[in-house]
Amino acid sequence: VLFALAGVGWWWTARQMQGMDEGPWTGLGALGWFLGVWVVMMAAMM
């Protein structure tokens, strides 16, 4: 279950971040959007 949640997190995060990589110190966007992506990213990574 944990690995499945991580897999879903990778898929969702990749979709959300598509085309947004601007290299070092990429802008973080609005707080609500960033926090949502960050939590899913942490689930995917951790």
PDB file of all heavy atoms in Angstrom:
ATOM      1  N   VAL A   1       0.837  -1.207   0.000  1.00  0.00           N
ATOM      2  CA  VAL A   1       0.000   0.000   0.000  1.00  0.00           C
ATOM      3  C   VAL A   1       0.869   1.253   0.000  1.00  0.00           C
ATOM      4  O   VAL A   1       0.627   2.208  -0.753  1.00  0.00           O
ATOM      5  CB  VAL A   1      -0.947   0.003   1.227  1.00  0.00           C
ATOM      6  CG1 VAL A   1      -1.610   1.368   1.395  1.00  0.00           C
ATOM      7  CG2 VAL A   1      -2.014  -1.072   1.072  1.00  0.00           C
ATOM      8  N   LEU A   2       1.911   1.272   0.835  1.00  0.00           N
ATOM      9  CA  LEU A   2       2.797   2.435   0.902  1.00  0.00           C
ATOM     10  C   LEU A   2       3.517   2.661  -0.425  1.00  0.00           C
ATOM     11  O   LEU A   2       3.652   3.801  -0.885  1.00  0.00           O
ATOM     12  CB  LEU A   2       3.808   2.258   2.032  1.00  0.00           C
ATOM     13  CG  LEU A   2       3.239   2.293   3.451  1.00  0.00           C
ATOM     14  CD1 LEU A   2       4.314   1.945   4.466  1.00  0.00           C
ATOM     15  CD2 LEU A   2       2.633   3.655   3.766  1.00  0.00           C
ATOM     16  N   PHE A   3       3.982   1.573  -1.034  1.00  0.00           N
ATOM     17  CA  PHE A   3       4.652   1.716  -2.329  1.00  0.00           C
ATOM     18  C   PHE A   3       3.660   2.156  -3.407  1.00  0.00           C
ATOM     19  O   PHE A   3       4.017   2.935  -4.302  1.00  0.00           O
ATOM     20  CB  PHE A   3       5.326   0.399  -2.716  1.00  0.00           C
ATOM     21  CG  PHE A   3       6.730   0.272  -2.215  1.00  0.00           C
ATOM     22  CD1 PHE A   3       6.981  -0.040  -0.885  1.00  0.00           C
ATOM     23  CD2 PHE A   3       7.805   0.480  -3.055  1.00  0.00           C
ATOM     24  CE1 PHE A   3       8.276  -0.151  -0.405  1.00  0.00           C
ATOM     25  CE2 PHE A   3       9.107   0.368  -2.595  1.00  0.00           C
ATOM     26  CZ  PHE A   3       9.348   0.057  -1.265  1.00  0.00           C
ATOM     27  N   ALA A   4       2.429   1.674  -3.332  1.00  0.00           N
ATOM     28  CA  ALA A   4       1.414   2.103  -4.300  1.00  0.00           C
ATOM     29  C   ALA A   4       1.116   3.591  -4.138  1.00  0.00           C
ATOM     30  O   ALA A   4       0.988   4.326  -5.132  1.00  0.00           O
ATOM     31  CB  ALA A   4       0.138   1.279  -4.125  1.00  0.00           C
ATOM     32  N   LEU A   5       1.016   4.049  -2.884  1.00  0.00           N
ATOM     33  CA  LEU A   5       0.800   5.483  -2.634  1.00  0.00           C
ATOM     34  C   LEU A   5       1.978   6.301  -3.154  1.00  0.00           C
ATOM     35  O   LEU A   5       1.800   7.385  -3.723  1.00  0.00           O
ATOM     36  CB  LEU A   5       0.601   5.734  -1.139  1.00  0.00           C
ATOM     37  CG  LEU A   5      -0.702   5.215  -0.530  1.00  0.00           C
ATOM     38  CD1 LEU A   5      -0.692   5.381   0.987  1.00  0.00           C
ATOM     39  CD2 LEU A   5      -1.908   5.957  -1.131  1.00  0.00           C
ATOM     40  N   ALA A   6       3.190   5.772  -2.964  1.00  0.00           N
ATOM     41  CA  ALA A   6       4.370   6.459  -3.490  1.00  0.00           C
ATOM     42  C   ALA A   6       4.313   6.521  -5.013  1.00  0.00           C
ATOM     43  O   ALA A   6       4.641   7.557  -5.622  1.00  0.00           O
ATOM     44  CB  ALA A   6       5.642   5.750  -3.035  1.00  0.00           C
ATOM     45  N   GLY A   7       3.904   5.418  -5.646  1.00  0.00           N
ATOM     46  CA  GLY A   7       3.801   5.404  -7.105  1.00  0.00           C
ATOM     47  C   GLY A   7       2.800   6.412  -7.627  1.00  0.00           C
ATOM     48  O   GLY A   7       3.059   7.128  -8.603  1.00  0.00           O
ATOM     49  N   VAL A   8       1.648   6.480  -6.960  1.00  0.00           N
ATOM     50  CA  VAL A   8       0.646   7.484  -7.347  1.00  0.00           C
ATOM     51  C   VAL A   8       1.213   8.888  -7.148  1.00  0.00           C
ATOM     52  O   VAL A   8       0.993   9.792  -7.968  1.00  0.00           O
ATOM     53  CB  VAL A   8      -0.645   7.291  -6.528  1.00  0.00           C
ATOM     54  CG1 VAL A   8      -1.611   8.444  -6.764  1.00  0.00           C
ATOM     55  CG2 VAL A   8      -1.311   5.970  -6.886  1.00  0.00           C
ATOM     56  N   GLY A   9       1.969   9.061  -6.055  1.00  0.00           N
ATOM     57  CA  GLY A   9       2.582  10.365  -5.805  1.00  0.00           C
ATOM     58  C   GLY A   9       3.558  10.759  -6.899  1.00  0.00           C
ATOM     59  O   GLY A   9       3.577  11.915  -7.340  1.00  0.00           O
ATOM     60  N   TRP A  10       4.372   9.809  -7.363  1.00  0.00           N
ATOM     61  CA  TRP A  10       5.305  10.099  -8.457  1.00  0.00           C
ATOM     62  C   TRP A  10       4.542  10.492  -9.729  1.00  0.00           C
ATOM     63  O   TRP A  10       4.911  11.447 -10.414  1.00  0.00           O
ATOM     64  CB  TRP A  10       6.180   8.880  -8.743  1.00  0.00           C
ATOM     65  CG  TRP A  10       7.327   8.732  -7.793  1.00  0.00           C
ATOM     66  CD1 TRP A  10       7.403   7.883  -6.735  1.00  0.00           C
ATOM     67  CD2 TRP A  10       8.547   9.480  -7.794  1.00  0.00           C
ATOM     68  NE1 TRP A  10       8.604   8.040  -6.077  1.00  0.00           N
ATOM     69  CE2 TRP A  10       9.327   9.005  -6.712  1.00  0.00           C
ATOM     70  CE3 TRP A  10       9.063  10.483  -8.608  1.00  0.00           C
ATOM     71  CZ2 TRP A  10      10.588   9.516  -6.419  1.00  0.00           C
ATOM     72  CZ3 TRP A  10      10.322  10.982  -8.323  1.00  0.00           C
ATOM     73  CH2 TRP A  10      11.070  10.512  -7.249  1.00  0.00           C
ATOM     74  N   TRP A  11       3.500   9.738 -10.030  1.00  0.00           N
ATOM     75  CA  TRP A  11       2.716  10.031 -11.240  1.00  0.00           C
ATOM     76  C   TRP A  11       2.079  11.411 -11.154  1.00  0.00           C
ATOM     77  O   TRP A  11       2.161  12.218 -12.096  1.00  0.00           O
ATOM     78  CB  TRP A  11       1.641   8.947 -11.416  1.00  0.00           C
ATOM     79  CG  TRP A  11       0.632   9.259 -12.486  1.00  0.00           C
ATOM     80  CD1 TRP A  11       0.791   9.119 -13.820  1.00  0.00           C
ATOM     81  CD2 TRP A  11      -0.690   9.778 -12.278  1.00  0.00           C
ATOM     82  NE1 TRP A  11      -0.354   9.516 -14.482  1.00  0.00           N
ATOM     83  CE2 TRP A  11      -1.282   9.927 -13.555  1.00  0.00           C
ATOM     84  CE3 TRP A  11      -1.437  10.128 -11.153  1.00  0.00           C
ATOM     85  CZ2 TRP A  11      -2.570  10.419 -13.719  1.00  0.00           C
ATOM     86  CZ3 TRP A  11      -2.721  10.608 -11.314  1.00  0.00           C
ATOM     87  CH2 TRP A  11      -3.269  10.750 -12.587  1.00  0.00           C
ATOM     88  N   TRP A  12       1.442  11.712 -10.027  1.00  0.00           N
ATOM     89  CA  TRP A  12       0.739  12.993  -9.880  1.00  0.00           C
ATOM     90  C   TRP A  12       1.732  14.155  -9.873  1.00  0.00           C
ATOM     91  O   TRP A  12       1.488  15.192 -10.502  1.00  0.00           O
ATOM     92  CB  TRP A  12      -0.067  12.977  -8.583  1.00  0.00           C
ATOM     93  CG  TRP A  12      -0.952  14.171  -8.421  1.00  0.00           C
ATOM     94  CD1 TRP A  12      -2.220  14.342  -8.899  1.00  0.00           C
ATOM     95  CD2 TRP A  12      -0.631  15.381  -7.706  1.00  0.00           C
ATOM     96  NE1 TRP A  12      -2.704  15.583  -8.529  1.00  0.00           N
ATOM     97  CE2 TRP A  12      -1.746  16.227  -7.795  1.00  0.00           C
ATOM     98  CE3 TRP A  12       0.488  15.817  -7.006  1.00  0.00           C
ATOM     99  CZ2 TRP A  12      -1.787  17.489  -7.212  1.00  0.00           C
ATOM    100  CZ3 TRP A  12       0.465  17.075  -6.424  1.00  0.00           C
ATOM    101  CH2 TRP A  12      -0.659  17.890  -6.534  1.00  0.00           C
ATOM    102  N   THR A  13       2.841  13.979  -9.149  1.00  0.00           N
ATOM    103  CA  THR A  13       3.839  15.047  -9.079  1.00  0.00           C
ATOM    104  C   THR A  13       4.439  15.329 -10.448  1.00  0.00           C
ATOM    105  O   THR A  13       4.647  16.492 -10.824  1.00  0.00           O
ATOM    106  CB  THR A  13       4.958  14.668  -8.088  1.00  0.00           C
ATOM    107  OG1 THR A  13       4.391  14.387  -6.815  1.00  0.00           O
ATOM    108  CG2 THR A  13       5.963  15.807  -7.953  1.00  0.00           C
ATOM    109  N   ALA A  14       4.739  14.279 -11.207  1.00  0.00           N
ATOM    110  CA  ALA A  14       5.304  14.465 -12.550  1.00  0.00           C
ATOM    111  C   ALA A  14       4.348  15.254 -13.430  1.00  0.00           C
ATOM    112  O   ALA A  14       4.774  16.112 -14.220  1.00  0.00           O
ATOM    113  CB  ALA A  14       5.615  13.115 -13.172  1.00  0.00           C
ATOM    114  N   ARG A  15       3.050  14.989 -13.304  1.00  0.00           N
ATOM    115  CA  ARG A  15       2.060  15.739 -14.089  1.00  0.00           C
ATOM    116  C   ARG A  15       2.009  17.198 -13.661  1.00  0.00           C
ATOM    117  O   ARG A  15       1.951  18.107 -14.500  1.00  0.00           O
ATOM    118  CB  ARG A  15       0.680  15.103 -13.936  1.00  0.00           C
ATOM    119  CG  ARG A  15       0.510  13.768 -14.648  1.00  0.00           C
ATOM    120  CD  ARG A  15      -0.942  13.364 -14.693  1.00  0.00           C
ATOM    121  NE  ARG A  15      -1.754  14.338 -15.411  1.00  0.00           N
ATOM    122  CZ  ARG A  15      -3.087  14.283 -15.502  1.00  0.00           C
ATOM    123  NH1 ARG A  15      -3.750  13.300 -14.914  1.00  0.00           N
ATOM    124  NH2 ARG A  15      -3.752  15.194 -16.186  1.00  0.00           N
ATOM    125  N   GLN A  16       2.009  17.431 -12.363  1.00  0.00           N
ATOM    126  CA  GLN A  16       1.905  18.793 -11.852  1.00  0.00           C
ATOM    127  C   GLN A  16       3.128  19.635 -12.199  1.00  0.00           C
ATOM    128  O   GLN A  16       3.016  20.832 -12.446  1.00  0.00           O
ATOM    129  CB  GLN A  16       1.712  18.767 -10.329  1.00  0.00           C
ATOM    130  CG  GLN A  16       0.380  18.226  -9.869  1.00  0.00           C
ATOM    131  CD  GLN A  16      -0.784  19.095 -10.313  1.00  0.00           C
ATOM    132  OE1 GLN A  16      -0.776  20.303 -10.134  1.00  0.00           O
ATOM    133  NE2 GLN A  16      -1.791  18.472 -10.905  1.00  0.00           N
ATOM    134  N   MET A  17       4.302  19.003 -12.231  1.00  0.00           N
ATOM    135  CA  MET A  17       5.539  19.751 -12.429  1.00  0.00           C
ATOM    136  C   MET A  17       5.992  19.775 -13.883  1.00  0.00           C
ATOM    137  O   MET A  17       7.055  20.313 -14.189  1.00  0.00           O
ATOM    138  CB  MET A  17       6.641  19.169 -11.547  1.00  0.00           C
ATOM    139  CG  MET A  17       6.331  19.246 -10.071  1.00  0.00           C
ATOM    140  SD  MET A  17       7.748  18.916  -8.970  1.00  0.00           S
ATOM    141  CE  MET A  17       8.421  17.428  -9.656  1.00  0.00           C
ATOM    142  N   GLN A  18       5.209  19.204 -14.765  1.00  0.00           N
ATOM    143  CA  GLN A  18       5.598  19.138 -16.172  1.00  0.00           C
ATOM    144  C   GLN A  18       5.815  20.534 -16.744  1.00  0.00           C
ATOM    145  O   GLN A  18       4.943  21.399 -16.678  1.00  0.00           O
ATOM    146  CB  GLN A  18       4.529  18.403 -16.979  1.00  0.00           C
ATOM    147  CG  GLN A  18       4.935  18.128 -18.416  1.00  0.00           C
ATOM    148  CD  GLN A  18       3.926  17.253 -19.122  1.00  0.00           C
ATOM    149  OE1 GLN A  18       2.858  16.967 -18.585  1.00  0.00           O
ATOM    150  NE2 GLN A  18       4.236  16.825 -20.334  1.00  0.00           N
ATOM    151  N   GLY A  19       6.986  20.756 -17.299  1.00  0.00           N
ATOM    152  CA  GLY A  19       7.313  22.043 -17.910  1.00  0.00           C
ATOM    153  C   GLY A  19       7.627  23.151 -16.928  1.00  0.00           C
ATOM    154  O   GLY A  19       7.812  24.302 -17.335  1.00  0.00           O
ATOM    155  N   MET A  20       7.717  22.852 -15.638  1.00  0.00           N
ATOM    156  CA  MET A  20       7.922  23.898 -14.630  1.00  0.00           C
ATOM    157  C   MET A  20       9.365  23.979 -14.140  1.00  0.00           C
ATOM    158  O   MET A  20       9.703  24.877 -13.366  1.00  0.00           O
ATOM    159  CB  MET A  20       6.996  23.670 -13.433  1.00  0.00           C
ATOM    160  CG  MET A  20       5.523  23.751 -13.764  1.00  0.00           C
ATOM    161  SD  MET A  20       4.490  23.787 -12.293  1.00  0.00           S
ATOM    162  CE  MET A  20       4.983  25.355 -11.564  1.00  0.00           C
ATOM    163  N   ASP A  21      10.210  23.050 -14.553  1.00  0.00           N
ATOM    164  CA  ASP A  21      11.593  23.056 -14.086  1.00  0.00           C
ATOM    165  C   ASP A  21      12.367  24.200 -14.734  1.00  0.00           C
ATOM    166  O   ASP A  21      12.610  24.206 -15.943  1.00  0.00           O
ATOM    167  CB  ASP A  21      12.256  21.714 -14.408  1.00  0.00           C
ATOM    168  CG  ASP A  21      13.716  21.682 -13.987  1.00  0.00           C
ATOM    169  OD1 ASP A  21      14.080  22.455 -13.080  1.00  0.00           O
ATOM    170  OD2 ASP A  21      14.490  20.895 -14.566  1.00  0.00           O
ATOM    171  N   GLU A  22      12.768  25.165 -13.925  1.00  0.00           N
ATOM    172  CA  GLU A  22      13.560  26.297 -14.396  1.00  0.00           C
ATOM    173  C   GLU A  22      14.966  26.262 -13.825  1.00  0.00           C
ATOM    174  O   GLU A  22      15.657  27.275 -13.789  1.00  0.00           O
ATOM    175  CB  GLU A  22      12.870  27.602 -14.027  1.00  0.00           C
ATOM    176  CG  GLU A  22      11.490  27.764 -14.685  1.00  0.00           C
ATOM    177  CD  GLU A  22      10.779  29.025 -14.240  1.00  0.00           C
ATOM    178  OE1 GLU A  22      11.331  29.745 -13.375  1.00  0.00           O
ATOM    179  OE2 GLU A  22       9.682  29.294 -14.747  1.00  0.00           O
ATOM    180  N   GLY A  23      15.384  25.079 -13.360  1.00  0.00           N
ATOM    181  CA  GLY A  23      16.730  24.936 -12.840  1.00  0.00           C
ATOM    182  C   GLY A  23      16.834  25.359 -11.386  1.00  0.00           C
ATOM    183  O   GLY A  23      15.847  25.378 -10.648  1.00  0.00           O
ATOM    184  N   PRO A  24      18.037  25.700 -10.935  1.00  0.00           N
ATOM    185  CA  PRO A  24      18.239  26.106  -9.543  1.00  0.00           C
ATOM    186  C   PRO A  24      17.320  27.244  -9.133  1.00  0.00           C
ATOM    187  O   PRO A  24      17.123  28.198  -9.880  1.00  0.00           O
ATOM    188  CB  PRO A  24      19.713  26.552  -9.535  1.00  0.00           C
ATOM    189  CG  PRO A  24      20.345  25.732 -10.613  1.00  0.00           C
ATOM    190  CD  PRO A  24      19.303  25.635 -11.689  1.00  0.00           C
ATOM    191  N   TRP A  25      16.765  27.088  -7.935  1.00  0.00           N
ATOM    192  CA  TRP A  25      15.888  28.092  -7.328  1.00  0.00           C
ATOM    193  C   TRP A  25      14.654  28.380  -8.181  1.00  0.00           C
ATOM    194  O   TRP A  25      14.235  29.513  -8.324  1.00  0.00           O
ATOM    195  CB  TRP A  25      16.650  29.376  -7.034  1.00  0.00           C
ATOM    196  CG  TRP A  25      17.974  29.147  -6.389  1.00  0.00           C
ATOM    197  CD1 TRP A  25      19.187  29.524  -6.874  1.00  0.00           C
ATOM    198  CD2 TRP A  25      18.231  28.441  -5.157  1.00  0.00           C
ATOM    199  NE1 TRP A  25      20.198  29.113  -6.028  1.00  0.00           N
ATOM    200  CE2 TRP A  25      19.641  28.444  -4.963  1.00  0.00           C
ATOM    201  CE3 TRP A  25      17.431  27.815  -4.204  1.00  0.00           C
ATOM    202  CZ2 TRP A  25      20.243  27.853  -3.852  1.00  0.00           C
ATOM    203  CZ3 TRP A  25      18.037  27.207  -3.110  1.00  0.00           C
ATOM    204  CH2 TRP A  25      19.422  27.240  -2.944  1.00  0.00           C
ATOM    205  N   THR A  26      14.079  27.324  -8.757  1.00  0.00           N
ATOM    206  CA  THR A  26      12.818  27.458  -9.484  1.00  0.00           C
ATOM    207  C   THR A  26      11.769  28.071  -8.569  1.00  0.00           C
ATOM    208  O   THR A  26      11.686  27.735  -7.383  1.00  0.00           O
ATOM    209  CB  THR A  26      12.328  26.075  -9.958  1.00  0.00           C
ATOM    210  OG1 THR A  26      13.281  25.541 -10.879  1.00  0.00           O
ATOM    211  CG2 THR A  26      10.976  26.180 -10.645  1.00  0.00           C
ATOM    212  N   GLY A  27      10.953  28.980  -9.114  1.00  0.00           N
ATOM    213  CA  GLY A  27       9.896  29.613  -8.336  1.00  0.00           C
ATOM    214  C   GLY A  27       8.939  28.582  -7.742  1.00  0.00           C
ATOM    215  O   GLY A  27       8.626  27.572  -8.379  1.00  0.00           O
ATOM    216  N   LEU A  28       8.443  28.850  -6.523  1.00  0.00           N
ATOM    217  CA  LEU A  28       7.617  27.883  -5.809  1.00  0.00           C
ATOM    218  C   LEU A  28       6.123  28.095  -6.012  1.00  0.00           C
ATOM    219  O   LEU A  28       5.329  27.278  -5.568  1.00  0.00           O
ATOM    220  CB  LEU A  28       7.936  27.935  -4.304  1.00  0.00           C
ATOM    221  CG  LEU A  28       9.402  27.697  -3.926  1.00  0.00           C
ATOM    222  CD1 LEU A  28       9.563  27.699  -2.407  1.00  0.00           C
ATOM    223  CD2 LEU A  28       9.915  26.399  -4.515  1.00  0.00           C
ATOM    224  N   GLY A  29       5.725  29.168  -6.666  1.00  0.00           N
ATOM    225  CA  GLY A  29       4.310  29.408  -6.892  1.00  0.00           C
ATOM    226  C   GLY A  29       3.603  29.864  -5.631  1.00  0.00           C
ATOM    227  O   GLY A  29       4.221  30.284  -4.651  1.00  0.00           O
ATOM    228  N   ALA A  30       2.274  29.742  -5.617  1.00  0.00           N
ATOM    229  CA  ALA A  30       1.475  30.150  -4.458  1.00  0.00           C
ATOM    230  C   ALA A  30       1.637  29.132  -3.334  1.00  0.00           C
ATOM    231  O   ALA A  30       1.919  27.952  -3.571  1.00  0.00           O
ATOM    232  CB  ALA A  30       0.009  30.272  -4.844  1.00  0.00           C
ATOM    233  N   LEU A  31       1.427  29.571  -2.107  1.00  0.00           N
ATOM    234  CA  LEU A  31       1.646  28.720  -0.940  1.00  0.00           C
ATOM    235  C   LEU A  31       0.787  27.458  -0.988  1.00  0.00           C
ATOM    236  O   LEU A  31       1.284  26.349  -0.770  1.00  0.00           O
ATOM    237  CB  LEU A  31       1.357  29.503   0.344  1.00  0.00           C
ATOM    238  CG  LEU A  31       1.406  28.688   1.648  1.00  0.00           C
ATOM    239  CD1 LEU A  31       2.780  28.057   1.843  1.00  0.00           C
ATOM    240  CD2 LEU A  31       1.038  29.578   2.830  1.00  0.00           C
ATOM    241  N   GLY A  32      -0.507  27.613  -1.269  1.00  0.00           N
ATOM    242  CA  GLY A  32      -1.400  26.461  -1.281  1.00  0.00           C
ATOM    243  C   GLY A  32      -0.992  25.437  -2.317  1.00  0.00           C
ATOM    244  O   GLY A  32      -0.971  24.226  -2.043  1.00  0.00           O
ATOM    245  N   TRP A  33      -0.648  25.901  -3.515  1.00  0.00           N
ATOM    246  CA  TRP A  33      -0.230  24.980  -4.579  1.00  0.00           C
ATOM    247  C   TRP A  33       1.065  24.279  -4.198  1.00  0.00           C
ATOM    248  O   TRP A  33       1.178  23.058  -4.323  1.00  0.00           O
ATOM    249  CB  TRP A  33      -0.051  25.743  -5.886  1.00  0.00           C
ATOM    250  CG  TRP A  33       0.307  24.858  -7.040  1.00  0.00           C
ATOM    251  CD1 TRP A  33      -0.540  24.194  -7.881  1.00  0.00           C
ATOM    252  CD2 TRP A  33       1.637  24.501  -7.466  1.00  0.00           C
ATOM    253  NE1 TRP A  33       0.161  23.453  -8.801  1.00  0.00           N
ATOM    254  CE2 TRP A  33       1.496  23.618  -8.573  1.00  0.00           C
ATOM    255  CE3 TRP A  33       2.907  24.840  -7.033  1.00  0.00           C
ATOM    256  CZ2 TRP A  33       2.593  23.087  -9.242  1.00  0.00           C
ATOM    257  CZ3 TRP A  33       4.010  24.298  -7.699  1.00  0.00           C
ATOM    258  CH2 TRP A  33       3.847  23.440  -8.792  1.00  0.00           C
ATOM    259  N   PHE A  34       2.043  25.051  -3.727  1.00  0.00           N
ATOM    260  CA  PHE A  34       3.330  24.464  -3.363  1.00  0.00           C
ATOM    261  C   PHE A  34       3.182  23.447  -2.248  1.00  0.00           C
ATOM    262  O   PHE A  34       3.760  22.351  -2.306  1.00  0.00           O
ATOM    263  CB  PHE A  34       4.315  25.554  -2.933  1.00  0.00           C
ATOM    264  CG  PHE A  34       5.556  25.002  -2.289  1.00  0.00           C
ATOM    265  CD1 PHE A  34       6.552  24.413  -3.048  1.00  0.00           C
ATOM    266  CD2 PHE A  34       5.714  25.054  -0.904  1.00  0.00           C
ATOM    267  CE1 PHE A  34       7.688  23.888  -2.451  1.00  0.00           C
ATOM    268  CE2 PHE A  34       6.851  24.528  -0.309  1.00  0.00           C
ATOM    269  CZ  PHE A  34       7.841  23.948  -1.084  1.00  0.00           C
ATOM    270  N   LEU A  35       2.392  23.769  -1.224  1.00  0.00           N
ATOM    271  CA  LEU A  35       2.251  22.859  -0.093  1.00  0.00           C
ATOM    272  C   LEU A  35       1.610  21.545  -0.526  1.00  0.00           C
ATOM    273  O   LEU A  35       2.026  20.464  -0.089  1.00  0.00           O
ATOM    274  CB  LEU A  35       1.429  23.519   1.014  1.00  0.00           C
ATOM    275  CG  LEU A  35       1.377  22.765   2.348  1.00  0.00           C
ATOM    276  CD1 LEU A  35       2.780  22.592   2.913  1.00  0.00           C
ATOM    277  CD2 LEU A  35       0.489  23.509   3.340  1.00  0.00           C
ATOM    278  N   GLY A  36       0.603  21.633  -1.407  1.00  0.00           N
ATOM    279  CA  GLY A  36      -0.024  20.414  -1.906  1.00  0.00           C
ATOM    280  C   GLY A  36       0.957  19.544  -2.670  1.00  0.00           C
ATOM    281  O   GLY A  36       1.042  18.324  -2.452  1.00  0.00           O
ATOM    282  N   VAL A  37       1.723  20.160  -3.568  1.00  0.00           N
ATOM    283  CA  VAL A  37       2.715  19.412  -4.348  1.00  0.00           C
ATOM    284  C   VAL A  37       3.810  18.872  -3.433  1.00  0.00           C
ATOM    285  O   VAL A  37       4.271  17.731  -3.591  1.00  0.00           O
ATOM    286  CB  VAL A  37       3.320  20.302  -5.452  1.00  0.00           C
ATOM    287  CG1 VAL A  37       4.488  19.605  -6.139  1.00  0.00           C
ATOM    288  CG2 VAL A  37       2.260  20.661  -6.483  1.00  0.00           C
ATOM    289  N   TRP A  38       4.213  19.655  -2.457  1.00  0.00           N
ATOM    290  CA  TRP A  38       5.287  19.251  -1.553  1.00  0.00           C
ATOM    291  C   TRP A  38       4.901  18.008  -0.750  1.00  0.00           C
ATOM    292  O   TRP A  38       5.702  17.071  -0.628  1.00  0.00           O
ATOM    293  CB  TRP A  38       5.624  20.406  -0.611  1.00  0.00           C
ATOM    294  CG  TRP A  38       6.629  20.080   0.451  1.00  0.00           C
ATOM    295  CD1 TRP A  38       6.375  19.750   1.746  1.00  0.00           C
ATOM    296  CD2 TRP A  38       8.058  20.056   0.310  1.00  0.00           C
ATOM    297  NE1 TRP A  38       7.546  19.530   2.437  1.00  0.00           N
ATOM    298  CE2 TRP A  38       8.595  19.703   1.575  1.00  0.00           C
ATOM    299  CE3 TRP A  38       8.930  20.305  -0.756  1.00  0.00           C
ATOM    300  CZ2 TRP A  38       9.962  19.596   1.784  1.00  0.00           C
ATOM    301  CZ3 TRP A  38      10.294  20.191  -0.537  1.00  0.00           C
ATOM    302  CH2 TRP A  38      10.798  19.845   0.715  1.00  0.00           C
ATOM    303  N   VAL A  39       3.691  17.989  -0.205  1.00  0.00           N
ATOM    304  CA  VAL A  39       3.263  16.843   0.603  1.00  0.00           C
ATOM    305  C   VAL A  39       3.211  15.575  -0.250  1.00  0.00           C
ATOM    306  O   VAL A  39       3.683  14.508   0.167  1.00  0.00           O
ATOM    307  CB  VAL A  39       1.901  17.126   1.256  1.00  0.00           C
ATOM    308  CG1 VAL A  39       1.336  15.858   1.905  1.00  0.00           C
ATOM    309  CG2 VAL A  39       2.023  18.227   2.301  1.00  0.00           C
ATOM    310  N   VAL A  40       2.664  15.689  -1.447  1.00  0.00           N
ATOM    311  CA  VAL A  40       2.616  14.520  -2.331  1.00  0.00           C
ATOM    312  C   VAL A  40       4.029  14.102  -2.728  1.00  0.00           C
ATOM    313  O   VAL A  40       4.352  12.908  -2.810  1.00  0.00           O
ATOM    314  CB  VAL A  40       1.757  14.815  -3.578  1.00  0.00           C
ATOM    315  CG1 VAL A  40       1.768  13.621  -4.533  1.00  0.00           C
ATOM    316  CG2 VAL A  40       0.323  15.137  -3.174  1.00  0.00           C
ATOM    317  N   MET A  41       4.886  15.082  -2.960  1.00  0.00           N
ATOM    318  CA  MET A  41       6.281  14.797  -3.306  1.00  0.00           C
ATOM    319  C   MET A  41       6.982  14.046  -2.181  1.00  0.00           C
ATOM    320  O   MET A  41       7.719  13.087  -2.414  1.00  0.00           O
ATOM    321  CB  MET A  41       7.027  16.107  -3.599  1.00  0.00           C
ATOM    322  CG  MET A  41       8.469  15.918  -4.044  1.00  0.00           C
ATOM    323  SD  MET A  41       9.405  17.484  -4.089  1.00  0.00           S
ATOM    324  CE  MET A  41       8.439  18.415  -5.270  1.00  0.00           C
ATOM    325  N   MET A  42       6.730  14.465  -0.935  1.00  0.00           N
ATOM    326  CA  MET A  42       7.346  13.789   0.195  1.00  0.00           C
ATOM    327  C   MET A  42       6.841  12.353   0.329  1.00  0.00           C
ATOM    328  O   MET A  42       7.601  11.436   0.658  1.00  0.00           O
ATOM    329  CB  MET A  42       7.090  14.561   1.490  1.00  0.00           C
ATOM    330  CG  MET A  42       7.809  15.900   1.588  1.00  0.00           C
ATOM    331  SD  MET A  42       9.606  15.770   1.399  1.00  0.00           S
ATOM    332  CE  MET A  42       9.805  16.276  -0.319  1.00  0.00           C
ATOM    333  N   ALA A  43       5.557  12.150   0.076  1.00  0.00           N
ATOM    334  CA  ALA A  43       5.026  10.778   0.099  1.00  0.00           C
ATOM    335  C   ALA A  43       5.706   9.935  -0.965  1.00  0.00           C
ATOM    336  O   ALA A  43       6.095   8.784  -0.719  1.00  0.00           O
ATOM    337  CB  ALA A  43       3.508  10.804  -0.114  1.00  0.00           C
ATOM    338  N   ALA A  44       5.877  10.500  -2.144  1.00  0.00           N
ATOM    339  CA  ALA A  44       6.518   9.770  -3.238  1.00  0.00           C
ATOM    340  C   ALA A  44       7.969   9.446  -2.911  1.00  0.00           C
ATOM    341  O   ALA A  44       8.447   8.325  -3.154  1.00  0.00           O
ATOM    342  CB  ALA A  44       6.437  10.585  -4.529  1.00  0.00           C
ATOM    343  N   MET A  45       8.688  10.399  -2.353  1.00  0.00           N
ATOM    344  CA  MET A  45      10.111  10.224  -2.095  1.00  0.00           C
ATOM    345  C   MET A  45      10.399   9.392  -0.853  1.00  0.00           C
ATOM    346  O   MET A  45      11.353   8.614  -0.820  1.00  0.00           O
ATOM    347  CB  MET A  45      10.791  11.593  -1.953  1.00  0.00           C
ATOM    348  CG  MET A  45      10.782  12.442  -3.216  1.00  0.00           C
ATOM    349  SD  MET A  45      11.518  14.077  -2.962  1.00  0.00           S
ATOM    350  CE  MET A  45      13.248  13.649  -2.702  1.00  0.00           C
ATOM    351  N   MET A  46       9.574   9.544   0.192  1.00  0.00           N
ATOM    352  CA  MET A  46       9.906   8.998   1.501  1.00  0.00           C
ATOM    353  C   MET A  46       9.208   7.690   1.849  1.00  0.00           C
ATOM    354  O   MET A  46       9.736   6.903   2.650  1.00  0.00           O
ATOM    355  CB  MET A  46       9.589  10.041   2.581  1.00  0.00           C
ATOM    356  CG  MET A  46      10.387  11.306   2.455  1.00  0.00           C
ATOM    357  SD  MET A  46      12.170  10.980   2.603  1.00  0.00           S
ATOM    358  CE  MET A  46      12.799  12.641   2.671  1.00  0.00           C
TER     359      MET A  46
END
